[in-house]
PDB file of N, CA and C in Angstrom:
ATOM      1  N   MET A   1     109.664  92.582  85.861  1.00  0.00           N
ATOM      2  CA  MET A   1     110.415  92.982  87.102  1.00  0.00           C
ATOM      3  C   MET A   1     111.151  94.284  86.761  1.00  0.00           C
ATOM      4  N   PHE A   2     111.532  94.677  85.501  1.00  0.00           N
ATOM      5  CA  PHE A   2     112.134  95.979  85.309  1.00  0.00           C
ATOM      6  C   PHE A   2     111.271  96.908  85.523  1.00  0.00           C
ATOM      7  N   ILE A   3     109.938  96.666  85.128  1.00  0.00           N
ATOM      8  CA  ILE A   3     108.950  97.707  85.315  1.00  0.00           C
ATOM      9  C   ILE A   3     108.656  98.274  86.850  1.00  0.00           C
ATOM     10  N   LEU A   4     108.863  97.189  87.626  1.00  0.00           N
ATOM     11  CA  LEU A   4     108.796  97.592  88.991  1.00  0.00           C
ATOM     12  C   LEU A   4     109.882  98.505  89.463  1.00  0.00           C
ATOM     13  N   PHE A   5     111.123  98.335  88.923  1.00  0.00           N
ATOM     14  CA  PHE A   5     112.144  99.449  89.297  1.00  0.00           C
ATOM     15  C   PHE A   5     111.853 100.642  88.770  1.00  0.00           C
ATOM     16  N   PHE A   6     111.497 100.602  87.551  1.00  0.00           N
ATOM     17  CA  PHE A   6     111.029 101.999  86.854  1.00  0.00           C
ATOM     18  C   PHE A   6     110.070 102.696  87.782  1.00  0.00           C
ATOM     19  N   MET A   7     108.980 101.824  88.175  1.00  0.00           N
ATOM     20  CA  MET A   7     107.964 102.431  89.010  1.00  0.00           C
ATOM     21  C   MET A   7     108.536 102.981  90.270  1.00  0.00           C
ATOM     22  N   MET A   8     109.512 102.319  90.884  1.00  0.00           N
ATOM     23  CA  MET A   8     110.136 102.729  92.046  1.00  0.00           C
ATOM     24  C   MET A   8     110.830 104.105  91.877  1.00  0.00           C
ATOM     25  N   VAL A   9     111.649 104.164  90.778  1.00  0.00           N
ATOM     26  CA  VAL A   9     112.347 105.352  90.516  1.00  0.00           C
ATOM     27  C   VAL A   9     111.447 106.607  90.172  1.00  0.00           C
ATOM     28  N   PHE A  10     110.335 106.324  89.395  1.00  0.00           N
ATOM     29  CA  PHE A  10     109.446 107.338  89.030  1.00  0.00           C
ATOM     30  C   PHE A  10     108.722 107.863  90.321  1.00  0.00           C
ATOM     31  N   ASN A  11     108.460 106.927  91.352  1.00  0.00           N
ATOM     32  CA  ASN A  11     107.672 107.157  92.504  1.00  0.00           C
ATOM     33  C   ASN A  11     108.803 108.127  93.228  1.00  0.00           C
ATOM     34  N   LEU A  12     110.018 107.768  93.429  1.00  0.00           N
ATOM     35  CA  LEU A  12     110.927 108.605  94.268  1.00  0.00           C
ATOM     36  C   LEU A  12     111.110 109.930  93.423  1.00  0.00           C
ATOM     37  N   ILE A  13     111.239 109.998  92.275  1.00  0.00           N
ATOM     38  CA  ILE A  13     111.249 111.429  91.555  1.00  0.00           C
ATOM     39  C   ILE A  13     109.965 112.128  91.882  1.00  0.00           C
ATOM     40  N   GLY A  14     108.812 111.532  91.723  1.00  0.00           N
ATOM     41  CA  GLY A  14     107.737 112.206  91.945  1.00  0.00           C
ATOM     42  C   GLY A  14     107.523 112.767  93.287  1.00  0.00           C
ATOM     43  N   LEU A  15     108.129 111.993  94.387  1.00  0.00           N
ATOM     44  CA  LEU A  15     107.988 112.360  95.634  1.00  0.00           C
ATOM     45  C   LEU A  15     108.942 113.559  96.002  1.00  0.00           C
ATOM     46  N   LEU A  16     110.030 113.522  95.188  1.00  0.00           N
ATOM     47  CA  LEU A  16     110.943 114.652  95.370  1.00  0.00           C
ATOM     48  C   LEU A  16     110.584 116.036  94.777  1.00  0.00           C
ATOM     49  N   VAL A  17     109.802 115.738  93.583  1.00  0.00           N
ATOM     50  CA  VAL A  17     109.284 116.976  92.810  1.00  0.00           C
ATOM     51  C   VAL A  17     108.142 117.618  93.393  1.00  0.00           C
ATOM     52  N   VAL A  18     106.997 116.694  93.555  1.00  0.00           N
ATOM     53  CA  VAL A  18     105.773 117.267  94.165  1.00  0.00           C
ATOM     54  C   VAL A  18     105.877 116.978  95.585  1.00  0.00           C
ATOM     55  N   ARG A  19     106.108 118.248  96.315  1.00  0.00           N
ATOM     56  CA  ARG A  19     106.043 118.084  97.846  1.00  0.00           C
ATOM     57  C   ARG A  19     105.287 119.157  98.467  1.00  0.00           C
ATOM     58  N   LYS A  20     104.310 119.680  97.796  1.00  0.00           N
ATOM     59  CA  LYS A  20     103.657 120.927  98.255  1.00  0.00           C
ATOM     60  C   LYS A  20     102.378 120.566  99.101  1.00  0.00           C
ATOM     61  N   HIS A  21     101.723 119.525  98.835  1.00  0.00           N
ATOM     62  CA  HIS A  21     100.511 119.002  99.587  1.00  0.00           C
ATOM     63  C   HIS A  21     100.646 117.903 100.274  1.00  0.00           C
ATOM     64  N   TYR A  22     100.091 117.581 101.467  1.00  0.00           N
ATOM     65  CA  TYR A  22     100.179 116.452 102.405  1.00  0.00           C
ATOM     66  C   TYR A  22      99.643 115.110 101.452  1.00  0.00           C
ATOM     67  N   LEU A  23      98.445 115.500 100.947  1.00  0.00           N
ATOM     68  CA  LEU A  23      97.512 114.228 100.175  1.00  0.00           C
ATOM     69  C   LEU A  23      98.571 113.744  99.126  1.00  0.00           C
ATOM     70  N   VAL A  24      99.181 114.558  98.412  1.00  0.00           N
ATOM     71  CA  VAL A  24      99.876 114.123  97.247  1.00  0.00           C
ATOM     72  C   VAL A  24     101.044 113.388  97.634  1.00  0.00           C
ATOM     73  N   THR A  25     101.724 113.931  98.918  1.00  0.00           N
ATOM     74  CA  THR A  25     102.888 113.267  99.341  1.00  0.00           C
ATOM     75  C   THR A  25     102.489 111.838  99.900  1.00  0.00           C
ATOM     76  N   LEU A  26     101.337 111.609 100.626  1.00  0.00           N
ATOM     77  CA  LEU A  26     100.849 110.426 101.181  1.00  0.00           C
ATOM     78  C   LEU A  26     100.552 109.484  99.954  1.00  0.00           C
ATOM     79  N   ILE A  27      99.936 110.082  98.845  1.00  0.00           N
ATOM     80  CA  ILE A  27      99.673 109.124  97.759  1.00  0.00           C
ATOM     81  C   ILE A  27     100.935 108.434  97.120  1.00  0.00           C
ATOM     82  N   MET A  28     102.002 109.509  97.015  1.00  0.00           N
ATOM     83  CA  MET A  28     103.298 108.964  96.351  1.00  0.00           C
ATOM     84  C   MET A  28     104.000 107.774  97.336  1.00  0.00           C
ATOM     85  N   LEU A  29     103.725 108.159  98.538  1.00  0.00           N
ATOM     86  CA  LEU A  29     104.369 107.119  99.467  1.00  0.00           C
ATOM     87  C   LEU A  29     103.607 105.766  99.394  1.00  0.00           C
ATOM     88  N   GLU A  30     102.244 105.858  99.180  1.00  0.00           N
ATOM     89  CA  GLU A  30     101.555 104.548  99.023  1.00  0.00           C
ATOM     90  C   GLU A  30     101.873 104.001  97.741  1.00  0.00           C
ATOM     91  N   PHE A  31     102.119 104.616  96.727  1.00  0.00           N
ATOM     92  CA  PHE A  31     102.642 103.948  95.510  1.00  0.00           C
ATOM     93  C   PHE A  31     104.000 103.334  95.619  1.00  0.00           C
ATOM     94  N   LEU A  32     104.714 103.961  96.416  1.00  0.00           N
ATOM     95  CA  LEU A  32     106.153 103.330  96.630  1.00  0.00           C
ATOM     96  C   LEU A  32     106.001 102.228  97.465  1.00  0.00           C
ATOM     97  N   PHE A  33     105.040 102.252  98.443  1.00  0.00           N
ATOM     98  CA  PHE A  33     104.956 101.070  99.205  1.00  0.00           C
ATOM     99  C   PHE A  33     104.507  99.895  98.514  1.00  0.00           C
ATOM    100  N   ILE A  34     103.338 100.271  97.460  1.00  0.00           N
ATOM    101  CA  ILE A  34     102.892  98.940  96.624  1.00  0.00           C
ATOM    102  C   ILE A  34     103.797  98.234  95.894  1.00  0.00           C
ATOM    103  N   THR A  35     104.858  99.279  95.206  1.00  0.00           N
ATOM    104  CA  THR A  35     105.885  98.882  94.323  1.00  0.00           C
ATOM    105  C   THR A  35     106.961  97.951  95.224  1.00  0.00           C
ATOM    106  N   LEU A  36     107.303  98.453  96.307  1.00  0.00           N
ATOM    107  CA  LEU A  36     108.213  97.732  97.060  1.00  0.00           C
ATOM    108  C   LEU A  36     107.624  96.444  97.588  1.00  0.00           C
ATOM    109  N   PHE A  37     106.337  96.352  97.971  1.00  0.00           N
ATOM    110  CA  PHE A  37     105.666  95.079  98.283  1.00  0.00           C
ATOM    111  C   PHE A  37     105.591  94.180  97.093  1.00  0.00           C
ATOM    112  N   ASN A  38     105.315  94.569  95.926  1.00  0.00           N
ATOM    113  CA  ASN A  38     105.504  93.645  94.795  1.00  0.00           C
ATOM    114  C   ASN A  38     106.774  93.033  94.590  1.00  0.00           C
ATOM    115  N   LEU A  39     107.924  94.117  94.726  1.00  0.00           N
ATOM    116  CA  LEU A  39     109.321  93.572  94.607  1.00  0.00           C
ATOM    117  C   LEU A  39     109.619  92.550  95.729  1.00  0.00           C
ATOM    118  N   PHE A  40     109.174  92.684  96.883  1.00  0.00           N
ATOM    119  CA  PHE A  40     109.427  91.893  98.077  1.00  0.00           C
ATOM    120  C   PHE A  40     108.614  90.562  97.818  1.00  0.00           C
ATOM    121  N   TYR A  41     107.403  90.489  97.243  1.00  0.00           N
ATOM    122  CA  TYR A  41     106.725  89.403  96.905  1.00  0.00           C
ATOM    123  C   TYR A  41     107.366  88.447  95.771  1.00  0.00           C
ATOM    124  N   PHE A  42     107.896  89.084  94.851  1.00  0.00           N
ATOM    125  CA  PHE A  42     108.542  88.392  93.869  1.00  0.00           C
ATOM    126  C   PHE A  42     109.690  87.827  94.467  1.00  0.00           C
ATOM    127  N   PHE A  43     110.603  88.537  95.132  1.00  0.00           N
ATOM    128  CA  PHE A  43     111.771  88.009  95.807  1.00  0.00           C
ATOM    129  C   PHE A  43     111.518  86.768  96.625  1.00  0.00           C
ATOM    130  N   LEU A  44     110.503  86.863  97.450  1.00  0.00           N
ATOM    131  CA  LEU A  44     110.161  85.902  98.370  1.00  0.00           C
ATOM    132  C   LEU A  44     109.453  84.583  97.453  1.00  0.00           C
ATOM    133  N   ASN A  45     108.972  84.843  96.492  1.00  0.00           N
ATOM    134  CA  ASN A  45     108.295  83.644  95.698  1.00  0.00           C
ATOM    135  C   ASN A  45     109.497  83.123  94.884  1.00  0.00           C
ATOM    136  N   PHE A  46     110.495  83.878  94.379  1.00  0.00           N
ATOM    137  CA  PHE A  46     111.477  83.319  93.535  1.00  0.00           C
ATOM    138  C   PHE A  46     112.493  82.363  94.291  1.00  0.00           C
ATOM    139  N   TYR A  47     112.837  82.792  95.574  1.00  0.00           N
ATOM    140  CA  TYR A  47     113.617  82.016  96.437  1.00  0.00           C
ATOM    141  C   TYR A  47     112.955  81.049  97.312  1.00  0.00           C
ATOM    142  N   PHE A  48     111.674  80.902  97.210  1.00  0.00           N
ATOM    143  CA  PHE A  48     110.759  79.953  97.901  1.00  0.00           C
ATOM    144  C   PHE A  48     110.832  80.118  99.451  1.00  0.00           C
ATOM    145  N   PHE A  49     110.853  81.352  99.829  1.00  0.00           N
ATOM    146  CA  PHE A  49     110.808  81.667 101.195  1.00  0.00           C
ATOM    147  C   PHE A  49     109.200  81.675 101.640  1.00  0.00           C
ATOM    148  N   GLU A  50     109.032  81.684 102.903  1.00  0.00           N
ATOM    149  CA  GLU A  50     107.552  81.773 103.478  1.00  0.00           C
ATOM    150  C   GLU A  50     106.983  83.137 103.199  1.00  0.00           C
ATOM    151  N   LEU A  51     105.817  83.091 102.862  1.00  0.00           N
ATOM    152  CA  LEU A  51     105.176  84.447 102.616  1.00  0.00           C
ATOM    153  C   LEU A  51     104.540  85.129 103.679  1.00  0.00           C
ATOM    154  N   ASN A  52     104.877  84.548 104.769  1.00  0.00           N
ATOM    155  CA  ASN A  52     104.503  85.363 106.169  1.00  0.00           C
ATOM    156  C   ASN A  52     105.179  86.739 106.219  1.00  0.00           C
ATOM    157  N   PHE A  53     106.398  86.712 105.620  1.00  0.00           N
ATOM    158  CA  PHE A  53     107.211  88.010 105.886  1.00  0.00           C
ATOM    159  C   PHE A  53     106.561  89.215 104.875  1.00  0.00           C
ATOM    160  N   GLY A  54     105.848  88.754 103.789  1.00  0.00           N
ATOM    161  CA  GLY A  54     105.087  89.695 103.039  1.00  0.00           C
ATOM    162  C   GLY A  54     103.840  90.096 103.884  1.00  0.00           C
ATOM    163  N   LEU A  55     103.358  89.244 104.637  1.00  0.00           N
ATOM    164  CA  LEU A  55     102.124  89.727 105.357  1.00  0.00           C
ATOM    165  C   LEU A  55     102.595  90.714 106.430  1.00  0.00           C
ATOM    166  N   ILE A  56     103.710  90.516 107.048  1.00  0.00           N
ATOM    167  CA  ILE A  56     104.082  91.519 108.040  1.00  0.00           C
ATOM    168  C   ILE A  56     104.350  92.742 107.303  1.00  0.00           C
ATOM    169  N   TYR A  57     104.937  92.759 106.260  1.00  0.00           N
ATOM    170  CA  TYR A  57     105.281  94.053 105.461  1.00  0.00           C
ATOM    171  C   TYR A  57     104.009  94.788 105.117  1.00  0.00           C
ATOM    172  N   LEU A  58     102.972  93.893 104.592  1.00  0.00           N
ATOM    173  CA  LEU A  58     101.749  94.554 104.507  1.00  0.00           C
ATOM    174  C   LEU A  58     101.163  95.007 105.566  1.00  0.00           C
ATOM    175  N   ILE A  59     101.063  94.586 106.766  1.00  0.00           N
ATOM    176  CA  ILE A  59     100.550  95.079 107.893  1.00  0.00           C
ATOM    177  C   ILE A  59     101.191  96.422 108.333  1.00  0.00           C
ATOM    178  N   LEU A  60     102.612  96.394 108.279  1.00  0.00           N
ATOM    179  CA  LEU A  60     103.320  97.523 108.543  1.00  0.00           C
ATOM    180  C   LEU A  60     102.968  98.782 107.500  1.00  0.00           C
ATOM    181  N   GLY A  61     102.613  98.404 106.363  1.00  0.00           N
ATOM    182  CA  GLY A  61     102.306  99.388 105.422  1.00  0.00           C
ATOM    183  C   GLY A  61     100.828 100.007 105.657  1.00  0.00           C
ATOM    184  N   VAL A  62      99.896  99.162 106.176  1.00  0.00           N
ATOM    185  CA  VAL A  62      98.797  99.574 106.498  1.00  0.00           C
ATOM    186  C   VAL A  62      98.703 100.647 107.769  1.00  0.00           C
ATOM    187  N   VAL A  63      99.557 100.167 108.718  1.00  0.00           N
ATOM    188  CA  VAL A  63      99.818 100.977 109.833  1.00  0.00           C
ATOM    189  C   VAL A  63     100.329 102.453 109.469  1.00  0.00           C
ATOM    190  N   GLU A  64     101.308 102.243 108.452  1.00  0.00           N
ATOM    191  CA  GLU A  64     101.942 103.617 107.860  1.00  0.00           C
ATOM    192  C   GLU A  64     100.801 104.488 107.415  1.00  0.00           C
ATOM    193  N   SER A  65     100.064 103.818 106.671  1.00  0.00           N
ATOM    194  CA  SER A  65      99.058 104.781 105.875  1.00  0.00           C
ATOM    195  C   SER A  65      98.097 105.239 106.812  1.00  0.00           C
ATOM    196  N   SER A  66      97.628 104.472 107.713  1.00  0.00           N
ATOM    197  CA  SER A  66      96.639 105.028 108.738  1.00  0.00           C
ATOM    198  C   SER A  66      97.186 106.181 109.689  1.00  0.00           C
ATOM    199  N   LEU A  67      98.429 106.112 109.951  1.00  0.00           N
ATOM    200  CA  LEU A  67      99.094 107.188 110.813  1.00  0.00           C
ATOM    201  C   LEU A  67      99.164 108.402 109.765  1.00  0.00           C
ATOM    202  N   GLY A  68      99.729 108.243 108.410  1.00  0.00           N
ATOM    203  CA  GLY A  68      99.664 109.309 107.679  1.00  0.00           C
ATOM    204  C   GLY A  68      98.270 110.097 107.600  1.00  0.00           C
ATOM    205  N   LEU A  69      97.309 109.235 107.209  1.00  0.00           N
ATOM    206  CA  LEU A  69      96.032 109.895 107.172  1.00  0.00           C
ATOM    207  C   LEU A  69      95.457 110.578 108.379  1.00  0.00           C
ATOM    208  N   SER A  70      95.781 110.041 109.564  1.00  0.00           N
ATOM    209  CA  SER A  70      95.430 110.552 110.794  1.00  0.00           C
ATOM    210  C   SER A  70      96.058 111.919 111.036  1.00  0.00           C
ATOM    211  N   LEU A  71      97.281 112.000 110.698  1.00  0.00           N
ATOM    212  CA  LEU A  71      98.170 113.155 110.809  1.00  0.00           C
ATOM    213  C   LEU A  71      97.653 114.187 109.851  1.00  0.00           C
ATOM    214  N   LEU A  72      97.221 113.875 108.695  1.00  0.00           N
ATOM    215  CA  LEU A  72      96.645 114.749 107.606  1.00  0.00           C
ATOM    216  C   LEU A  72      95.409 115.260 108.253  1.00  0.00           C
ATOM    217  N   VAL A  73      94.269 114.405 108.657  1.00  0.00           N
ATOM    218  CA  VAL A  73      93.181 114.846 109.269  1.00  0.00           C
ATOM    219  C   VAL A  73      93.390 115.933 110.340  1.00  0.00           C
ATOM    220  N   TYR A  74      94.378 115.449 111.286  1.00  0.00           N
ATOM    221  CA  TYR A  74      94.497 116.440 112.480  1.00  0.00           C
ATOM    222  C   TYR A  74      95.097 117.765 111.872  1.00  0.00           C
ATOM    223  N   LEU A  75      95.996 117.750 110.989  1.00  0.00           N
ATOM    224  CA  LEU A  75      96.559 119.185 110.578  1.00  0.00           C
ATOM    225  C   LEU A  75      95.558 119.908 109.801  1.00  0.00           C
ATOM    226  N   VAL A  76      94.640 119.339 109.240  1.00  0.00           N
ATOM    227  CA  VAL A  76      93.781 120.127 108.460  1.00  0.00           C
ATOM    228  C   VAL A  76      92.552 120.507 109.236  1.00  0.00           C
ATOM    229  N   ARG A  77      92.132 119.735 110.343  1.00  0.00           N
ATOM    230  CA  ARG A  77      91.136 120.247 111.163  1.00  0.00           C
ATOM    231  C   ARG A  77      91.557 121.207 112.266  1.00  0.00           C
ATOM    232  N   LYS A  78      92.657 120.849 112.842  1.00  0.00           N
ATOM    233  CA  LYS A  78      93.067 121.529 114.132  1.00  0.00           C
ATOM    234  C   LYS A  78      93.962 122.787 113.824  1.00  0.00           C
ATOM    235  N   VAL A  79      94.870 122.511 112.938  1.00  0.00           N
ATOM    236  CA  VAL A  79      95.877 123.621 112.770  1.00  0.00           C
ATOM    237  C   VAL A  79      95.666 124.397 111.406  1.00  0.00           C
ATOM    238  N   ASN A  80      94.832 123.818 110.541  1.00  0.00           N
ATOM    239  CA  ASN A  80      94.613 124.265 109.302  1.00  0.00           C
ATOM    240  C   ASN A  80      95.758 124.539 108.409  1.00  0.00           C
ATOM    241  N   LEU A  81      96.630 123.452 108.437  1.00  0.00           N
ATOM    242  CA  LEU A  81      97.866 123.519 107.432  1.00  0.00           C
ATOM    243  C   LEU A  81      97.694 122.334 106.451  1.00  0.00           C
ATOM    244  N   PRO A  82      97.120 122.497 105.226  1.00  0.00           N
ATOM    245  CA  PRO A  82      97.198 121.445 104.221  1.00  0.00           C
ATOM    246  C   PRO A  82      98.260 121.421 103.417  1.00  0.00           C
ATOM    247  N   TYR A  83      99.200 122.467 103.432  1.00  0.00           N
ATOM    248  CA  TYR A  83     100.426 122.495 102.755  1.00  0.00           C
ATOM    249  C   TYR A  83     101.677 122.198 103.386  1.00  0.00           C
ATOM    250  N   VAL A  84     102.563 121.528 102.874  1.00  0.00           N
ATOM    251  CA  VAL A  84     103.918 120.992 103.595  1.00  0.00           C
ATOM    252  C   VAL A  84     104.653 122.244 103.862  1.00  0.00           C
ATOM    253  N   ASN A  85     104.622 123.121 102.914  1.00  0.00           N
ATOM    254  CA  ASN A  85     105.647 124.312 103.125  1.00  0.00           C
ATOM    255  C   ASN A  85     105.281 125.314 104.216  1.00  0.00           C
ATOM    256  N   SER A  86     104.146 125.310 104.713  1.00  0.00           N
ATOM    257  CA  SER A  86     103.762 126.090 105.857  1.00  0.00           C
ATOM    258  C   SER A  86     103.776 125.155 107.163  1.00  0.00           C
ATOM    259  N   PHE A  87     104.275 124.063 107.111  1.00  0.00           N
ATOM    260  CA  PHE A  87     104.346 123.324 108.342  1.00  0.00           C
ATOM    261  C   PHE A  87     105.749 123.428 108.770  1.00  0.00           C
ATOM    262  N   ASN A  88     105.897 123.951 110.053  1.00  0.00           N
ATOM    263  CA  ASN A  88     107.235 124.055 110.658  1.00  0.00           C
ATOM    264  C   ASN A  88     107.541 122.965 111.751  1.00  0.00           C
ATOM    265  N   LEU A  89     108.593 122.219 111.548  1.00  0.00           N
ATOM    266  CA  LEU A  89     108.955 121.275 112.570  1.00  0.00           C
ATOM    267  C   LEU A  89     109.793 121.650 113.849  1.00  0.00           C
ATOM    268  N   CYS A  90     110.332 122.880 113.633  1.00  0.00           N
ATOM    269  CA  CYS A  90     111.189 123.469 114.705  1.00  0.00           C
ATOM    270  C   CYS A  90     110.449 124.277 115.619  1.00  0.00           C
TER     271      CYS A  90
END
């Protein structure tokens, strides 16, 4: 259980330190999602809740990853911006 907390902290640190490329940012977000899903699953299993909530969380994670990858493909093909620093939101 403690290893999942360490994984979450290291994922957050890695997300804050390595922010230059979209693909690396998406990979760190997916590792964070997997860690949070494991914590959520252990919580539901420990307190004998229904595991349908875990399935809903997993579906939301899949939607998040597909949206991130589609944004990455759009930015690389149309705008030619593979780096986060060159992307301007304003």
